[in-house]
Amino acid sequence: MTHKPRAIRRVLDSLYTGAGIVAALCLLMILLIIVAQMIARWTGTPFPGSSQYAGYFMAASSFLAFAYALNRGAHIRVSLFLGALGRYRFWGELWCMVIASATTSYLAFYAIRGVTLSLKFSDISQGQDATPLWIPQSVVALGAVLLAVCFLDNLVTLILTRNDNISAEALVGDEI
């Protein structure tokens, strides 16, 4: 029975790390698009839609990195406030995790809804690329779902163990 939570923990951590790696690759794609834009300008070759593609990769990199960053302690935390709570810190963390879990679940729901509406109406981008919007929206929705899962994961872990999954070494110097 104790192996199941560890296996779930490994799977979730692998998902978060995988999303972080894909986010880093999206940043690399932004760099490559910018270099291609520069070369296109120097040679006089048109590169229609390049700004839109860079924007899609920026949104993808941001949303895919959220869950990874959360578990690595890279998100802004309210440590000063939580430290001031003293023995009531657990209740402050619990309140924060509940609010964050609800908010990100709401975001994930509407991100998925946006994808389904774009599919339903065959919505395309306004730029020269005419990309079906459900494609970049799907990546954003995936990142939003991963973030919601990550917050829910931290909430459940906090309730069961009185500690979240946020990397402790990342928080050194962040505490009072």
N, C-alpha and C. Protein backbone atom coordinates (compact mmCIF):
# COMPACT_ATOMS: atom_id res chain seq x y z
N MET A 1 0.81 -1.20 0.00
CA MET A 1 0.00 0.00 0.00
C MET A 1 0.86 1.27 0.00
N THR A 2 2.01 1.21 0.68
CA THR A 2 2.86 2.40 0.75
C THR A 2 3.57 2.65 -0.58
N HIS A 3 3.66 1.62 -1.46
CA HIS A 3 4.33 1.81 -2.74
C HIS A 3 3.49 2.63 -3.70
N LYS A 4 2.18 2.58 -3.56
CA LYS A 4 1.30 3.30 -4.46
C LYS A 4 1.49 4.82 -4.38
N PRO A 5 1.51 5.43 -3.18
CA PRO A 5 1.75 6.88 -3.14
C PRO A 5 3.11 7.27 -3.71
N ARG A 6 4.14 6.45 -3.48
CA ARG A 6 5.46 6.76 -4.03
C ARG A 6 5.45 6.68 -5.55
N ALA A 7 4.73 5.70 -6.08
CA ALA A 7 4.64 5.55 -7.54
C ALA A 7 3.89 6.73 -8.14
N ILE A 8 2.83 7.14 -7.50
CA ILE A 8 2.08 8.31 -7.97
C ILE A 8 2.96 9.55 -7.90
N ARG A 9 3.71 9.69 -6.81
CA ARG A 9 4.61 10.84 -6.64
C ARG A 9 5.63 10.87 -7.78
N ARG A 10 6.21 9.70 -8.12
CA ARG A 10 7.20 9.63 -9.20
C ARG A 10 6.58 10.01 -10.54
N VAL A 11 5.37 9.52 -10.79
CA VAL A 11 4.69 9.83 -12.06
C VAL A 11 4.41 11.33 -12.16
N LEU A 12 3.86 11.91 -11.08
CA LEU A 12 3.55 13.34 -11.10
C LEU A 12 4.81 14.18 -11.24
N ASP A 13 5.84 13.84 -10.48
CA ASP A 13 7.10 14.59 -10.59
C ASP A 13 7.70 14.47 -11.98
N SER A 14 7.57 13.29 -12.59
CA SER A 14 8.05 13.10 -13.97
C SER A 14 7.25 13.95 -14.95
N LEU A 15 5.94 14.05 -14.74
CA LEU A 15 5.09 14.90 -15.58
C LEU A 15 5.52 16.36 -15.48
N TYR A 16 5.73 16.83 -14.25
CA TYR A 16 6.13 18.22 -14.03
C TYR A 16 7.49 18.49 -14.66
N THR A 17 8.42 17.57 -14.48
CA THR A 17 9.76 17.74 -15.05
C THR A 17 9.71 17.69 -16.58
N GLY A 18 8.93 16.75 -17.11
CA GLY A 18 8.78 16.66 -18.57
C GLY A 18 8.21 17.94 -19.16
N ALA A 19 7.21 18.50 -18.49
CA ALA A 19 6.62 19.76 -18.95
C ALA A 19 7.66 20.89 -18.88
N GLY A 20 8.50 20.87 -17.84
CA GLY A 20 9.56 21.87 -17.73
C GLY A 20 10.58 21.75 -18.85
N ILE A 21 10.89 20.53 -19.24
CA ILE A 21 11.83 20.30 -20.35
C ILE A 21 11.23 20.79 -21.66
N VAL A 22 9.96 20.48 -21.89
CA VAL A 22 9.29 20.95 -23.11
C VAL A 22 9.21 22.48 -23.11
N ALA A 23 8.99 23.09 -21.93
CA ALA A 23 8.97 24.55 -21.83
C ALA A 23 10.32 25.13 -22.24
N ALA A 24 11.40 24.49 -21.80
CA ALA A 24 12.74 24.95 -22.17
C ALA A 24 12.96 24.81 -23.68
N LEU A 25 12.45 23.74 -24.27
CA LEU A 25 12.56 23.56 -25.72
C LEU A 25 11.76 24.63 -26.47
N CYS A 26 10.62 25.04 -25.89
CA CYS A 26 9.83 26.12 -26.49
C CYS A 26 10.62 27.43 -26.47
N LEU A 27 11.35 27.68 -25.40
CA LEU A 27 12.21 28.86 -25.36
C LEU A 27 13.28 28.80 -26.44
N LEU A 28 13.83 27.62 -26.64
CA LEU A 28 14.82 27.43 -27.71
C LEU A 28 14.18 27.70 -29.07
N MET A 29 12.94 27.28 -29.25
CA MET A 29 12.24 27.54 -30.51
C MET A 29 12.04 29.04 -30.73
N ILE A 30 11.76 29.77 -29.66
CA ILE A 30 11.63 31.23 -29.78
C ILE A 30 12.94 31.82 -30.29
N LEU A 31 14.05 31.37 -29.73
CA LEU A 31 15.36 31.84 -30.17
C LEU A 31 15.57 31.53 -31.65
N LEU A 32 15.25 30.32 -32.06
CA LEU A 32 15.43 29.93 -33.46
C LEU A 32 14.54 30.76 -34.39
N ILE A 33 13.33 31.06 -33.96
CA ILE A 33 12.44 31.88 -34.78
C ILE A 33 13.00 33.30 -34.91
N ILE A 34 13.51 33.83 -33.82
CA ILE A 34 14.08 35.18 -33.87
C ILE A 34 15.29 35.21 -34.80
N VAL A 35 16.14 34.21 -34.72
CA VAL A 35 17.30 34.14 -35.62
C VAL A 35 16.82 34.00 -37.07
N ALA A 36 15.81 33.18 -37.29
CA ALA A 36 15.27 33.02 -38.65
C ALA A 36 14.66 34.34 -39.15
N GLN A 37 14.01 35.10 -38.26
CA GLN A 37 13.48 36.41 -38.64
C GLN A 37 14.61 37.35 -39.06
N MET A 38 15.70 37.34 -38.30
CA MET A 38 16.84 38.19 -38.63
C MET A 38 17.42 37.82 -39.99
N ILE A 39 17.59 36.54 -40.21
CA ILE A 39 18.14 36.08 -41.50
C ILE A 39 17.18 36.44 -42.63
N ALA A 40 15.89 36.28 -42.40
CA ALA A 40 14.89 36.62 -43.42
C ALA A 40 14.94 38.10 -43.76
N ARG A 41 15.11 38.94 -42.76
CA ARG A 41 15.20 40.39 -43.02
C ARG A 41 16.47 40.73 -43.80
N TRP A 42 17.59 40.12 -43.42
CA TRP A 42 18.87 40.40 -44.09
C TRP A 42 18.84 39.97 -45.55
N THR A 43 18.16 38.85 -45.81
CA THR A 43 18.14 38.32 -47.18
C THR A 43 16.94 38.81 -47.98
N GLY A 44 16.01 39.49 -47.32
CA GLY A 44 14.82 39.97 -48.01
C GLY A 44 13.80 38.88 -48.27
N THR A 45 13.94 37.78 -47.57
CA THR A 45 13.01 36.66 -47.72
C THR A 45 11.84 36.84 -46.76
N PRO A 46 10.62 36.71 -47.26
CA PRO A 46 9.48 36.84 -46.34
C PRO A 46 9.39 35.65 -45.38
N PHE A 47 8.99 35.93 -44.16
CA PHE A 47 8.76 34.90 -43.15
C PHE A 47 7.42 35.22 -42.47
N PRO A 48 6.32 35.01 -43.20
CA PRO A 48 5.01 35.40 -42.67
C PRO A 48 4.63 34.56 -41.45
N GLY A 49 4.06 35.24 -40.47
CA GLY A 49 3.57 34.56 -39.27
C GLY A 49 4.61 34.29 -38.22
N SER A 50 5.84 34.75 -38.43
CA SER A 50 6.90 34.42 -37.47
C SER A 50 6.63 35.02 -36.09
N SER A 51 6.07 36.20 -36.04
CA SER A 51 5.75 36.81 -34.73
C SER A 51 4.68 36.02 -34.01
N GLN A 52 3.70 35.52 -34.76
CA GLN A 52 2.65 34.70 -34.15
C GLN A 52 3.24 33.39 -33.61
N TYR A 53 4.12 32.77 -34.39
CA TYR A 53 4.74 31.52 -33.93
C TYR A 53 5.54 31.75 -32.65
N ALA A 54 6.28 32.84 -32.61
CA ALA A 54 7.05 33.16 -31.40
C ALA A 54 6.10 33.36 -30.22
N GLY A 55 4.97 34.00 -30.45
CA GLY A 55 3.98 34.19 -29.40
C GLY A 55 3.38 32.89 -28.92
N TYR A 56 3.11 31.97 -29.85
CA TYR A 56 2.58 30.67 -29.46
C TYR A 56 3.58 29.91 -28.58
N PHE A 57 4.84 29.95 -28.99
CA PHE A 57 5.87 29.27 -28.20
C PHE A 57 6.08 29.95 -26.85
N MET A 58 5.90 31.25 -26.78
CA MET A 58 6.02 31.96 -25.49
C MET A 58 4.90 31.53 -24.54
N ALA A 59 3.69 31.46 -25.05
CA ALA A 59 2.57 31.01 -24.22
C ALA A 59 2.78 29.57 -23.78
N ALA A 60 3.23 28.73 -24.69
CA ALA A 60 3.48 27.33 -24.35
C ALA A 60 4.57 27.20 -23.29
N SER A 61 5.66 27.94 -23.47
CA SER A 61 6.76 27.84 -22.50
C SER A 61 6.32 28.31 -21.12
N SER A 62 5.54 29.37 -21.08
CA SER A 62 5.07 29.89 -19.78
C SER A 62 4.19 28.88 -19.07
N PHE A 63 3.15 28.42 -19.76
CA PHE A 63 2.19 27.54 -19.10
C PHE A 63 2.76 26.17 -18.79
N LEU A 64 3.61 25.65 -19.66
CA LEU A 64 4.20 24.33 -19.38
C LEU A 64 5.20 24.39 -18.23
N ALA A 65 5.78 25.55 -17.97
CA ALA A 65 6.78 25.66 -16.90
C ALA A 65 6.15 25.89 -15.53
N PHE A 66 4.89 26.27 -15.46
CA PHE A 66 4.27 26.63 -14.18
C PHE A 66 4.35 25.52 -13.13
N ALA A 67 3.94 24.31 -13.47
CA ALA A 67 3.92 23.22 -12.49
C ALA A 67 5.35 22.87 -12.05
N TYR A 68 6.27 22.82 -13.01
CA TYR A 68 7.66 22.53 -12.68
C TYR A 68 8.21 23.59 -11.72
N ALA A 69 7.95 24.86 -12.04
CA ALA A 69 8.45 25.95 -11.21
C ALA A 69 7.84 25.91 -9.81
N LEU A 70 6.57 25.55 -9.71
CA LEU A 70 5.92 25.48 -8.40
C LEU A 70 6.63 24.48 -7.49
N ASN A 71 6.86 23.28 -7.99
CA ASN A 71 7.49 22.26 -7.15
C ASN A 71 8.97 22.52 -6.90
N ARG A 72 9.58 23.40 -7.66
CA ARG A 72 10.98 23.77 -7.44
C ARG A 72 11.10 25.00 -6.56
N GLY A 73 9.98 25.55 -6.11
CA GLY A 73 10.01 26.71 -5.22
C GLY A 73 10.30 28.01 -5.94
N ALA A 74 10.07 28.06 -7.25
CA ALA A 74 10.39 29.25 -8.03
C ALA A 74 9.24 30.25 -8.11
N HIS A 75 8.06 29.88 -7.65
CA HIS A 75 6.95 30.83 -7.64
C HIS A 75 7.07 31.75 -6.43
N ILE A 76 6.52 32.92 -6.56
CA ILE A 76 6.51 33.84 -5.43
C ILE A 76 5.64 33.24 -4.34
N ARG A 77 6.19 33.17 -3.15
CA ARG A 77 5.43 32.63 -2.02
C ARG A 77 5.22 33.72 -0.99
N VAL A 78 4.31 33.47 -0.12
CA VAL A 78 3.98 34.44 0.93
C VAL A 78 4.67 34.03 2.22
N SER A 79 5.97 33.75 2.12
CA SER A 79 6.74 33.23 3.25
C SER A 79 6.79 34.19 4.42
N LEU A 80 6.88 35.49 4.15
CA LEU A 80 6.90 36.44 5.25
C LEU A 80 5.62 36.34 6.07
N PHE A 81 4.51 36.30 5.37
CA PHE A 81 3.21 36.18 6.04
C PHE A 81 3.11 34.84 6.76
N LEU A 82 3.49 33.76 6.09
CA LEU A 82 3.39 32.43 6.70
C LEU A 82 4.33 32.31 7.90
N GLY A 83 5.52 32.89 7.79
CA GLY A 83 6.46 32.85 8.92
C GLY A 83 5.93 33.61 10.12
N ALA A 84 5.19 34.67 9.86
CA ALA A 84 4.62 35.47 10.96
C ALA A 84 3.49 34.74 11.66
N LEU A 85 2.94 33.72 11.02
CA LEU A 85 1.84 32.98 11.64
C LEU A 85 2.31 32.04 12.76
N GLY A 86 3.60 31.77 12.79
CA GLY A 86 4.14 30.92 13.85
C GLY A 86 3.52 29.54 13.85
N ARG A 87 2.92 29.17 14.97
CA ARG A 87 2.36 27.81 15.09
C ARG A 87 1.12 27.61 14.23
N TYR A 88 0.58 28.68 13.68
CA TYR A 88 -0.60 28.58 12.81
C TYR A 88 -0.20 28.56 11.33
N ARG A 89 1.08 28.40 11.06
CA ARG A 89 1.59 28.41 9.68
C ARG A 89 0.89 27.36 8.82
N PHE A 90 0.68 26.16 9.36
CA PHE A 90 0.01 25.11 8.59
C PHE A 90 -1.33 25.60 8.07
N TRP A 91 -2.10 26.29 8.90
CA TRP A 91 -3.43 26.75 8.50
C TRP A 91 -3.32 27.83 7.42
N GLY A 92 -2.30 28.65 7.50
CA GLY A 92 -2.07 29.65 6.45
C GLY A 92 -1.70 28.99 5.13
N GLU A 93 -0.82 27.99 5.19
CA GLU A 93 -0.44 27.26 3.98
C GLU A 93 -1.63 26.52 3.40
N LEU A 94 -2.43 25.92 4.28
CA LEU A 94 -3.62 25.20 3.83
C LEU A 94 -4.57 26.16 3.11
N TRP A 95 -4.81 27.32 3.70
CA TRP A 95 -5.69 28.31 3.08
C TRP A 95 -5.15 28.72 1.70
N CYS A 96 -3.84 28.97 1.62
CA CYS A 96 -3.23 29.36 0.35
C CYS A 96 -3.37 28.25 -0.70
N MET A 97 -3.14 27.02 -0.30
CA MET A 97 -3.24 25.89 -1.24
C MET A 97 -4.68 25.68 -1.71
N VAL A 98 -5.63 25.86 -0.81
CA VAL A 98 -7.05 25.72 -1.20
C VAL A 98 -7.41 26.79 -2.23
N ILE A 99 -7.06 28.03 -1.95
CA ILE A 99 -7.36 29.13 -2.88
C ILE A 99 -6.65 28.91 -4.22
N ALA A 100 -5.38 28.56 -4.18
CA ALA A 100 -4.62 28.34 -5.41
C ALA A 100 -5.18 27.15 -6.20
N SER A 101 -5.57 26.09 -5.50
CA SER A 101 -6.14 24.92 -6.18
C SER A 101 -7.45 25.27 -6.86
N ALA A 102 -8.29 26.01 -6.17
CA ALA A 102 -9.58 26.41 -6.75
C ALA A 102 -9.37 27.34 -7.94
N THR A 103 -8.48 28.29 -7.80
CA THR A 103 -8.24 29.26 -8.87
C THR A 103 -7.66 28.59 -10.12
N THR A 104 -6.67 27.73 -9.93
CA THR A 104 -6.05 27.09 -11.09
C THR A 104 -6.98 26.05 -11.72
N SER A 105 -7.83 25.43 -10.92
CA SER A 105 -8.83 24.51 -11.49
C SER A 105 -9.82 25.27 -12.36
N TYR A 106 -10.21 26.44 -11.90
CA TYR A 106 -11.09 27.32 -12.68
C TYR A 106 -10.41 27.72 -13.98
N LEU A 107 -9.14 28.11 -13.90
CA LEU A 107 -8.37 28.47 -15.09
C LEU A 107 -8.29 27.29 -16.06
N ALA A 108 -7.99 26.11 -15.55
CA ALA A 108 -7.87 24.92 -16.41
C ALA A 108 -9.20 24.61 -17.09
N PHE A 109 -10.29 24.71 -16.36
CA PHE A 109 -11.61 24.45 -16.93
C PHE A 109 -11.88 25.37 -18.12
N TYR A 110 -11.63 26.67 -17.94
CA TYR A 110 -11.91 27.62 -19.01
C TYR A 110 -10.87 27.57 -20.13
N ALA A 111 -9.67 27.13 -19.83
CA ALA A 111 -8.68 26.94 -20.90
C ALA A 111 -9.13 25.80 -21.81
N ILE A 112 -9.62 24.73 -21.20
CA ILE A 112 -10.14 23.60 -21.99
C ILE A 112 -11.38 24.03 -22.76
N ARG A 113 -12.22 24.80 -22.12
CA ARG A 113 -13.43 25.29 -22.79
C ARG A 113 -13.07 26.17 -24.00
N GLY A 114 -12.03 26.97 -23.86
CA GLY A 114 -11.57 27.80 -24.97
C GLY A 114 -11.13 26.96 -26.16
N VAL A 115 -10.45 25.85 -25.88
CA VAL A 115 -10.02 24.95 -26.95
C VAL A 115 -11.24 24.35 -27.65
N THR A 116 -12.21 23.89 -26.87
CA THR A 116 -13.39 23.27 -27.49
C THR A 116 -14.18 24.28 -28.31
N LEU A 117 -14.26 25.52 -27.84
CA LEU A 117 -14.96 26.55 -28.62
C LEU A 117 -14.21 26.88 -29.91
N SER A 118 -12.88 26.93 -29.84
CA SER A 118 -12.10 27.18 -31.05
C SER A 118 -12.27 26.06 -32.07
N LEU A 119 -12.34 24.83 -31.57
CA LEU A 119 -12.60 23.70 -32.47
C LEU A 119 -14.00 23.79 -33.07
N LYS A 120 -14.96 24.10 -32.25
CA LYS A 120 -16.37 24.17 -32.68
C LYS A 120 -16.57 25.22 -33.77
N PHE A 121 -15.94 26.39 -33.61
CA PHE A 121 -16.12 27.48 -34.56
C PHE A 121 -15.02 27.56 -35.62
N SER A 122 -14.10 26.58 -35.63
CA SER A 122 -12.97 26.57 -36.56
C SER A 122 -12.24 27.91 -36.55
N ASP A 123 -11.95 28.40 -35.36
CA ASP A 123 -11.30 29.69 -35.17
C ASP A 123 -9.84 29.62 -35.61
N ILE A 124 -9.41 30.63 -36.38
CA ILE A 124 -8.01 30.70 -36.80
C ILE A 124 -7.43 32.02 -36.33
N SER A 125 -6.10 32.09 -36.29
CA SER A 125 -5.43 33.31 -35.82
C SER A 125 -5.66 34.45 -36.80
N GLN A 126 -5.53 35.66 -36.31
CA GLN A 126 -5.74 36.84 -37.13
C GLN A 126 -4.51 37.20 -37.96
N GLY A 127 -3.38 36.57 -37.65
CA GLY A 127 -2.14 36.89 -38.35
C GLY A 127 -2.05 36.22 -39.70
N GLN A 128 -0.90 36.41 -40.35
CA GLN A 128 -0.68 35.85 -41.68
C GLN A 128 -0.55 34.33 -41.66
N ASP A 129 -0.31 33.76 -40.49
CA ASP A 129 -0.10 32.32 -40.41
C ASP A 129 -1.40 31.52 -40.52
N ALA A 130 -2.54 32.12 -40.15
CA ALA A 130 -3.86 31.46 -40.19
C ALA A 130 -3.83 30.09 -39.53
N THR A 131 -3.18 30.01 -38.38
CA THR A 131 -3.10 28.76 -37.62
C THR A 131 -4.41 28.51 -36.90
N PRO A 132 -4.92 27.28 -36.96
CA PRO A 132 -6.11 26.97 -36.14
C PRO A 132 -5.76 27.20 -34.67
N LEU A 133 -6.54 28.03 -34.00
CA LEU A 133 -6.19 28.44 -32.63
C LEU A 133 -6.24 27.32 -31.61
N TRP A 134 -6.94 26.24 -31.91
CA TRP A 134 -7.01 25.16 -30.94
C TRP A 134 -5.64 24.53 -30.70
N ILE A 135 -4.73 24.67 -31.68
CA ILE A 135 -3.41 24.05 -31.52
C ILE A 135 -2.60 24.74 -30.42
N PRO A 136 -2.35 26.05 -30.50
CA PRO A 136 -1.61 26.68 -29.39
C PRO A 136 -2.43 26.72 -28.10
N GLN A 137 -3.75 26.81 -28.22
CA GLN A 137 -4.59 26.82 -27.02
C GLN A 137 -4.53 25.49 -26.28
N SER A 138 -4.35 24.40 -27.02
CA SER A 138 -4.27 23.07 -26.38
C SER A 138 -3.05 22.97 -25.47
N VAL A 139 -1.95 23.55 -25.92
CA VAL A 139 -0.73 23.52 -25.11
C VAL A 139 -0.92 24.36 -23.85
N VAL A 140 -1.54 25.52 -23.99
CA VAL A 140 -1.82 26.38 -22.83
C VAL A 140 -2.77 25.65 -21.87
N ALA A 141 -3.79 24.99 -22.42
CA ALA A 141 -4.74 24.25 -21.57
C ALA A 141 -4.02 23.10 -20.85
N LEU A 142 -3.13 22.42 -21.53
CA LEU A 142 -2.37 21.34 -20.90
C LEU A 142 -1.54 21.89 -19.74
N GLY A 143 -0.89 23.02 -19.95
CA GLY A 143 -0.11 23.64 -18.87
C GLY A 143 -0.99 24.06 -17.71
N ALA A 144 -2.17 24.60 -18.00
CA ALA A 144 -3.10 25.00 -16.95
C ALA A 144 -3.60 23.79 -16.16
N VAL A 145 -3.88 22.70 -16.86
CA VAL A 145 -4.30 21.48 -16.18
C VAL A 145 -3.18 20.94 -15.30
N LEU A 146 -1.96 20.93 -15.81
CA LEU A 146 -0.82 20.46 -15.01
C LEU A 146 -0.62 21.33 -13.77
N LEU A 147 -0.79 22.63 -13.90
CA LEU A 147 -0.66 23.51 -12.74
C LEU A 147 -1.75 23.22 -11.71
N ALA A 148 -2.97 23.02 -12.17
CA ALA A 148 -4.07 22.70 -11.25
C ALA A 148 -3.80 21.37 -10.55
N VAL A 149 -3.34 20.39 -11.31
CA VAL A 149 -3.01 19.08 -10.72
C VAL A 149 -1.88 19.24 -9.70
N CYS A 150 -0.90 20.06 -10.03
CA CYS A 150 0.23 20.28 -9.12
C CYS A 150 -0.23 20.93 -7.81
N PHE A 151 -1.10 21.94 -7.91
CA PHE A 151 -1.61 22.55 -6.68
C PHE A 151 -2.47 21.57 -5.89
N LEU A 152 -3.31 20.80 -6.57
CA LEU A 152 -4.13 19.80 -5.87
C LEU A 152 -3.24 18.73 -5.23
N ASP A 153 -2.20 18.34 -5.94
CA ASP A 153 -1.23 17.39 -5.40
C ASP A 153 -0.58 17.94 -4.13
N ASN A 154 -0.16 19.19 -4.17
CA ASN A 154 0.44 19.82 -2.99
C ASN A 154 -0.57 19.96 -1.86
N LEU A 155 -1.82 20.27 -2.20
CA LEU A 155 -2.87 20.40 -1.19
C LEU A 155 -3.11 19.07 -0.48
N VAL A 156 -3.27 18.01 -1.25
CA VAL A 156 -3.50 16.69 -0.65
C VAL A 156 -2.31 16.26 0.19
N THR A 157 -1.10 16.48 -0.33
CA THR A 157 0.11 16.13 0.43
C THR A 157 0.20 16.93 1.72
N LEU A 158 -0.15 18.22 1.65
CA LEU A 158 -0.14 19.07 2.83
C LEU A 158 -1.13 18.57 3.88
N ILE A 159 -2.31 18.18 3.45
CA ILE A 159 -3.32 17.68 4.38
C ILE A 159 -2.87 16.37 5.02
N LEU A 160 -2.28 15.49 4.21
CA LEU A 160 -1.90 14.17 4.72
C LEU A 160 -0.62 14.17 5.54
N THR A 161 0.33 15.03 5.18
CA THR A 161 1.65 14.97 5.83
C THR A 161 2.04 16.25 6.56
N ARG A 162 1.23 17.28 6.43
CA ARG A 162 1.52 18.61 6.99
C ARG A 162 2.73 19.27 6.34
N ASN A 163 3.14 18.76 5.17
CA ASN A 163 4.21 19.35 4.36
C ASN A 163 3.78 19.26 2.90
N ASP A 164 4.13 20.28 2.11
CA ASP A 164 3.83 20.21 0.68
C ASP A 164 5.01 19.58 -0.05
N ASN A 165 4.94 19.54 -1.37
CA ASN A 165 6.00 18.93 -2.19
C ASN A 165 7.00 19.94 -2.73
N ILE A 166 6.87 21.18 -2.30
CA ILE A 166 7.75 22.23 -2.82
C ILE A 166 9.15 22.00 -2.30
N SER A 167 10.10 22.02 -3.21
CA SER A 167 11.47 21.72 -2.90
C SER A 167 12.01 22.62 -1.79
N ALA A 168 12.44 22.00 -0.69
CA ALA A 168 12.87 22.76 0.48
C ALA A 168 14.15 23.54 0.22
N GLU A 169 15.08 22.98 -0.57
CA GLU A 169 16.35 23.68 -0.80
C GLU A 169 16.14 24.95 -1.62
N ALA A 170 15.09 25.00 -2.41
CA ALA A 170 14.80 26.23 -3.17
C ALA A 170 14.29 27.34 -2.27
N LEU A 171 13.79 26.98 -1.11
CA LEU A 171 13.20 27.97 -0.21
C LEU A 171 14.20 28.49 0.83
N VAL A 172 15.43 27.99 0.83
CA VAL A 172 16.41 28.45 1.78
C VAL A 172 16.64 29.93 1.57
N GLY A 173 16.61 30.69 2.65
CA GLY A 173 16.74 32.13 2.57
C GLY A 173 15.42 32.82 2.33
N ASP A 174 14.39 32.03 2.00
CA ASP A 174 13.06 32.57 1.75
C ASP A 174 12.26 32.64 3.06
N GLU A 175 12.74 31.93 4.06
CA GLU A 175 12.03 31.85 5.33
C GLU A 175 12.55 32.90 6.30
N ILE A 176 11.77 33.18 7.30
CA ILE A 176 12.19 34.11 8.34
C ILE A 176 12.89 33.34 9.43
